[in-house]
Amino acid sequence: MAINDLPILSALRTKMQWHQERQRVLAENISNANTPNFRPNDLIDPKFDARGANAGGAMGSLAVIRTSATHIGGSGGGQSFRGDGGKSGFLTKPAGNAVNLEDQMLKVSANQMDYAAATSLYSRSLGLLKTAIGKR
């Protein structure tokens, strides 16, 4: 089994790709803060299902729950993430723009911290695997 096939590393890669795509969407929201009739977008968190986990608590294979054909595929490139349709809950400005810069900046900051946590966990997991096989 290749290291790329390990379920936990695959799930972490998917999560990091989601954070990268979310950063792009949030940056687009901020850049269009003064555009008339612009509605902010966001992404829905990917859902992971721990199927195959036995009673001993061992991690089974992680799979992404697909409720629509446009959701994340099981593996491979070309993934796309579904947005929430701009349901931010904030009032629309007279020009029709619904972007709240404070909210968007908070989301960017939280996204950056979550991405840093996922990359740290990914690199530490690789380090543990290297130690286990004696490559360190």
Protein backbone atom coordinates (compact mmCIF):
# COMPACT_ATOMS: atom_id res chain seq x y z
CA MET A 1 0.00 0.00 0.00
CA ALA A 2 1.35 3.37 -1.02
CA ILE A 3 1.51 6.19 1.52
CA ASN A 4 -0.90 8.16 -0.67
CA ASP A 5 -3.52 5.43 -0.20
CA LEU A 6 -3.70 5.77 3.59
CA PRO A 7 -7.19 6.99 4.52
CA ILE A 8 -6.09 9.54 7.12
CA LEU A 9 -3.61 11.18 4.74
CA SER A 10 -6.19 11.20 1.97
CA ALA A 11 -8.72 12.88 4.30
CA LEU A 12 -6.13 15.48 5.34
CA ARG A 13 -5.30 16.21 1.69
CA THR A 14 -9.00 16.66 0.93
CA LYS A 15 -9.37 19.01 3.91
CA MET A 16 -6.34 21.06 2.81
CA GLN A 17 -7.73 21.31 -0.73
CA TRP A 18 -11.05 22.45 0.74
CA HIS A 19 -9.27 25.18 2.75
CA GLN A 20 -7.42 26.33 -0.37
CA GLU A 21 -10.67 26.58 -2.33
CA ARG A 22 -12.39 28.35 0.57
CA GLN A 23 -9.56 30.89 0.73
CA ARG A 24 -10.15 31.63 -2.97
CA VAL A 25 -13.91 32.08 -2.42
CA LEU A 26 -13.41 34.34 0.62
CA ALA A 27 -10.85 36.45 -1.25
CA GLU A 28 -13.36 36.85 -4.08
CA ASN A 29 -15.99 37.99 -1.57
CA ILE A 30 -13.64 40.61 -0.13
CA SER A 31 -12.54 41.84 -3.55
CA ASN A 32 -16.20 42.36 -4.52
CA ALA A 33 -17.14 44.20 -1.32
CA ASN A 34 -18.10 47.31 -3.30
CA THR A 35 -19.68 45.57 -6.29
CA PRO A 36 -23.41 46.32 -6.57
CA ASN A 37 -25.75 43.33 -6.14
CA PHE A 38 -22.90 40.97 -5.16
CA ARG A 39 -23.80 38.17 -2.77
CA PRO A 40 -20.99 36.59 -0.70
CA ASN A 41 -20.36 32.87 -1.10
CA ASP A 42 -18.90 30.25 1.20
CA LEU A 43 -18.25 26.54 1.04
CA ILE A 44 -19.93 23.75 2.95
CA ASP A 45 -17.57 21.68 5.11
CA PRO A 46 -16.73 18.27 3.66
CA LYS A 47 -18.29 15.47 5.69
CA PHE A 48 -16.20 12.42 6.45
CA ASP A 49 -17.77 9.07 7.28
CA ALA A 50 -15.64 6.63 9.31
CA ARG A 51 -16.98 3.47 7.72
CA GLY A 52 -15.49 0.19 8.65
CA ALA A 53 -14.35 1.27 12.11
CA ASN A 54 -14.37 -1.77 14.35
CA ALA A 55 -15.31 -1.96 18.02
CA GLY A 56 -11.67 -1.58 19.05
CA GLY A 57 -11.71 2.02 17.90
CA ALA A 58 -9.35 1.49 14.96
CA MET A 59 -9.81 3.96 12.14
CA GLY A 60 -11.47 2.48 9.11
CA SER A 61 -11.45 3.92 5.66
CA LEU A 62 -12.65 7.52 5.50
CA ALA A 63 -15.06 8.34 2.73
CA VAL A 64 -16.70 11.58 1.74
CA ILE A 65 -20.48 11.59 1.95
CA ARG A 66 -21.89 12.47 -1.47
CA THR A 67 -25.40 13.88 -1.52
CA SER A 68 -25.03 15.45 -4.95
CA ALA A 69 -23.06 14.67 -8.10
CA THR A 70 -21.29 18.04 -7.75
CA HIS A 71 -19.81 17.17 -4.35
CA ILE A 72 -16.27 15.94 -3.78
CA GLY A 73 -15.40 12.71 -5.52
CA GLY A 74 -13.86 9.74 -3.73
CA SER A 75 -10.35 10.32 -5.06
CA GLY A 76 -8.44 11.96 -7.85
CA GLY A 77 -8.12 15.52 -9.12
CA GLY A 78 -10.69 17.89 -10.48
CA GLN A 79 -12.58 18.16 -7.25
CA SER A 80 -15.10 20.91 -6.74
CA PHE A 81 -16.74 22.08 -3.54
CA ARG A 82 -20.33 23.19 -3.27
CA GLY A 83 -21.11 26.63 -1.93
CA ASP A 84 -23.80 27.61 0.52
CA GLY A 85 -25.48 29.99 -1.92
CA GLY A 86 -24.47 33.15 -0.09
CA LYS A 87 -26.67 32.70 2.96
CA SER A 88 -24.69 35.01 5.21
CA GLY A 89 -27.53 36.33 7.35
CA PHE A 90 -26.38 39.96 7.03
CA LEU A 91 -28.43 42.82 5.70
CA THR A 92 -28.03 43.98 2.14
CA LYS A 93 -26.65 47.48 1.56
CA PRO A 94 -28.68 49.96 -0.52
CA ALA A 95 -26.54 49.14 -3.59
CA GLY A 96 -27.58 45.49 -3.25
CA ASN A 97 -24.24 44.26 -1.87
CA ALA A 98 -24.41 41.86 1.08
CA VAL A 99 -20.67 41.49 1.87
CA ASN A 100 -19.75 42.13 5.51
CA LEU A 101 -15.99 42.73 5.56
CA GLU A 102 -15.60 41.97 9.27
CA ASP A 103 -17.32 38.61 8.87
CA GLN A 104 -15.26 37.77 5.79
CA MET A 105 -11.98 38.66 7.53
CA LEU A 106 -12.90 36.50 10.52
CA LYS A 107 -13.60 33.60 8.16
CA VAL A 108 -10.26 34.15 6.38
CA SER A 109 -8.42 34.12 9.70
CA ALA A 110 -10.17 30.97 10.92
CA ASN A 111 -9.57 29.29 7.56
CA GLN A 112 -5.86 30.13 7.73
CA MET A 113 -5.54 28.65 11.24
CA ASP A 114 -7.43 25.49 10.27
CA TYR A 115 -5.26 25.04 7.17
CA ALA A 116 -2.11 25.43 9.28
CA ALA A 117 -3.41 22.79 11.70
CA ALA A 118 -4.18 20.36 8.87
CA THR A 119 -0.77 20.82 7.24
CA SER A 120 0.97 20.37 10.60
CA LEU A 121 -0.97 17.17 11.25
CA TYR A 122 -0.20 15.92 7.75
CA SER A 123 3.55 16.55 8.06
CA ARG A 124 3.68 15.00 11.55
CA SER A 125 1.82 11.93 10.28
CA LEU A 126 4.36 11.53 7.51
CA GLY A 127 7.16 11.91 10.07
CA LEU A 128 5.64 9.17 12.23
CA LEU A 129 5.36 6.88 9.23
CA LYS A 130 9.00 7.52 8.31
CA THR A 131 10.05 6.75 11.89
CA ALA A 132 7.99 3.56 11.87
CA ILE A 133 9.67 2.24 8.74
CA GLY A 134 13.13 3.35 9.90
CA LYS A 135 13.78 6.08 7.31
CA ARG A 136 14.76 8.73 9.87
